[in-house]
Amino acid sequence: MSIFKQFQDFIFGPEEEESEYQPLYEDVAQSVDVAEERRNREVKIATTATVQIVLARPTDFSEVKSIGDDLNHQKTVLLNLEQVKSEDAKRIMDFLSGVAYANDATIKMSAQKTFVIMPKNVGFSGVDLMSELENNGYSF
């Protein structure tokens, strides 16, 4: 071995001989097996999901911030607007509609002046009162 070769091996390490050529399809088959193995792994996650329902009966617009905070914390809000003047009720609904939209929540009317605002992970079943009233000739 030449001195130059010994010096090169000392600095860069000895050259490894290349292994036999393996066809590409074996590499692909092996990577598919690895991907399938990853996909078939069973992952157990312990979760305790609780749904919180908040009853809100505001008397004026000044109380709407705390209701919006509840919606931002993914709580279901049962909103009763019976004690609010109609001009304040409209402002409250405008504000909470924006908060609900930002959180991908839905608003359903459950009774006159009573609404249920649900986060996206809460389902609703039963007759939608608003649709029922509109089908019977009432318009809002």
Protein backbone atom coordinates (compact mmCIF):
# COMPACT_ATOMS: atom_id res chain seq x y z
CA MET A 1 0.00 0.00 0.00
CA SER A 2 1.37 3.39 -0.88
CA ILE A 3 2.09 6.08 1.67
CA PHE A 4 -0.51 8.29 0.03
CA LYS A 5 -3.14 5.54 0.37
CA GLN A 6 -2.21 4.99 4.04
CA PHE A 7 -2.47 8.74 4.69
CA GLN A 8 -5.85 8.91 2.91
CA ASP A 9 -7.14 5.95 4.94
CA PHE A 10 -5.90 7.62 8.14
CA ILE A 11 -7.71 10.91 7.38
CA PHE A 12 -10.91 9.68 5.71
CA GLY A 13 -11.10 6.14 7.00
CA PRO A 14 -10.66 3.03 4.96
CA GLU A 15 -12.80 2.70 1.87
CA GLU A 16 -15.57 0.19 2.16
CA GLU A 17 -16.14 -2.20 -0.61
CA GLU A 18 -19.53 -1.76 -2.19
CA SER A 19 -21.94 -4.58 -1.59
CA GLU A 20 -23.69 -6.46 -4.31
CA TYR A 21 -26.29 -4.52 -6.22
CA GLN A 22 -29.84 -5.14 -4.96
CA PRO A 23 -32.72 -4.52 -7.29
CA LEU A 24 -34.87 -1.48 -6.57
CA TYR A 25 -38.10 -3.47 -6.22
CA GLU A 26 -36.73 -5.21 -3.10
CA ASP A 27 -36.13 -1.80 -1.47
CA VAL A 28 -39.66 -0.73 -2.37
CA ALA A 29 -41.12 -3.97 -1.03
CA GLN A 30 -39.18 -3.54 2.20
CA SER A 31 -40.34 0.07 2.63
CA VAL A 32 -43.95 -1.00 2.01
CA ASP A 33 -43.59 -3.66 4.71
CA VAL A 34 -42.23 -1.08 7.13
CA ALA A 35 -45.05 1.36 6.31
CA GLU A 36 -47.65 -1.39 6.76
CA GLU A 37 -46.07 -2.37 10.06
CA ARG A 38 -46.29 1.24 11.27
CA ARG A 39 -49.91 1.51 10.16
CA ASN A 40 -50.90 -1.66 12.02
CA ARG A 41 -49.54 -0.53 15.36
CA GLU A 42 -52.13 -0.34 18.06
CA VAL A 43 -52.00 2.84 20.11
CA LYS A 44 -53.98 3.04 23.31
CA ILE A 45 -54.83 6.50 24.53
CA ALA A 46 -56.58 6.92 27.84
CA THR A 47 -58.96 9.85 27.63
CA THR A 48 -61.75 11.04 29.80
CA ALA A 49 -63.91 13.38 27.80
CA THR A 50 -66.40 15.40 29.74
CA VAL A 51 -68.96 17.66 28.19
CA GLN A 52 -69.64 20.76 30.20
CA ILE A 53 -72.93 22.60 29.80
CA VAL A 54 -73.18 26.18 30.98
CA LEU A 55 -76.55 27.86 31.55
CA ALA A 56 -76.28 31.54 30.67
CA ARG A 57 -79.07 34.01 31.47
CA PRO A 58 -77.59 37.43 30.74
CA THR A 59 -79.49 40.58 31.70
CA ASP A 60 -77.53 42.91 29.41
CA PHE A 61 -74.69 42.99 26.88
CA SER A 62 -71.98 43.45 29.52
CA GLU A 63 -72.20 39.75 30.49
CA VAL A 64 -71.43 38.45 27.00
CA LYS A 65 -67.63 38.25 27.43
CA SER A 66 -67.83 35.43 29.99
CA ILE A 67 -70.20 33.51 27.70
CA GLY A 68 -67.72 33.93 24.83
CA ASP A 69 -64.94 32.64 27.09
CA ASP A 70 -67.01 29.52 27.81
CA LEU A 71 -67.40 28.93 24.07
CA ASN A 72 -63.66 29.40 23.56
CA HIS A 73 -63.09 26.69 26.20
CA GLN A 74 -65.26 24.24 24.17
CA LYS A 75 -68.18 24.30 26.60
CA THR A 76 -71.77 23.87 25.47
CA VAL A 77 -73.79 26.98 26.33
CA LEU A 78 -77.52 26.98 26.93
CA LEU A 79 -78.38 30.64 26.32
CA ASN A 80 -81.63 32.04 27.68
CA LEU A 81 -82.38 35.57 26.45
CA GLU A 82 -85.80 36.02 28.12
CA GLN A 83 -84.57 38.70 30.54
CA VAL A 84 -82.79 40.80 27.90
CA LYS A 85 -84.19 43.71 25.91
CA SER A 86 -84.60 42.79 22.25
CA GLU A 87 -81.93 45.30 21.12
CA ASP A 88 -79.40 43.80 23.58
CA ALA A 89 -80.47 40.27 22.61
CA LYS A 90 -79.61 41.02 18.97
CA ARG A 91 -76.18 42.39 19.94
CA ILE A 92 -75.54 39.34 22.16
CA MET A 93 -76.48 36.93 19.37
CA ASP A 94 -74.33 38.85 16.87
CA PHE A 95 -71.31 38.63 19.17
CA LEU A 96 -71.84 34.98 20.11
CA SER A 97 -72.45 34.04 16.46
CA GLY A 98 -68.99 35.40 15.67
CA VAL A 99 -67.41 33.51 18.56
CA ALA A 100 -69.24 30.33 17.51
CA TYR A 101 -68.09 30.75 13.91
CA ALA A 102 -64.48 31.24 15.00
CA ASN A 103 -64.66 28.01 17.04
CA ASP A 104 -66.54 26.03 14.37
CA ALA A 105 -69.48 25.70 16.79
CA THR A 106 -73.17 25.46 15.89
CA ILE A 107 -76.13 27.39 17.23
CA LYS A 108 -79.56 25.77 17.51
CA MET A 109 -82.73 27.39 18.75
CA SER A 110 -84.29 25.11 21.35
CA ALA A 111 -87.19 27.31 22.46
CA GLN A 112 -88.28 30.88 21.94
CA LYS A 113 -85.43 33.13 23.09
CA THR A 114 -83.40 30.06 24.12
CA PHE A 115 -80.44 28.78 22.13
CA VAL A 116 -77.93 25.95 22.44
CA ILE A 117 -74.42 26.78 21.27
CA MET A 118 -72.39 23.60 20.82
CA PRO A 119 -68.70 23.12 20.05
CA LYS A 120 -67.77 21.04 17.01
CA ASN A 121 -67.26 17.86 19.07
CA VAL A 122 -70.85 17.86 20.40
CA GLY A 123 -73.62 16.37 18.28
CA PHE A 124 -77.27 17.40 18.16
CA SER A 125 -80.15 15.04 17.61
CA GLY A 126 -83.85 15.68 17.59
CA VAL A 127 -86.04 18.21 15.86
CA ASP A 128 -84.42 21.53 15.14
CA LEU A 129 -86.96 24.02 16.53
CA MET A 130 -86.03 26.78 14.09
CA SER A 131 -86.67 24.52 11.09
CA GLU A 132 -89.89 23.27 12.66
CA LEU A 133 -91.19 26.82 13.21
CA GLU A 134 -90.25 27.91 9.69
CA ASN A 135 -92.04 24.86 8.26
CA ASN A 136 -95.17 25.89 10.16
CA GLY A 137 -95.19 29.41 8.71
CA TYR A 138 -93.22 31.40 11.28
CA SER A 139 -90.36 33.56 10.02
CA PHE A 140 -87.62 35.31 11.94
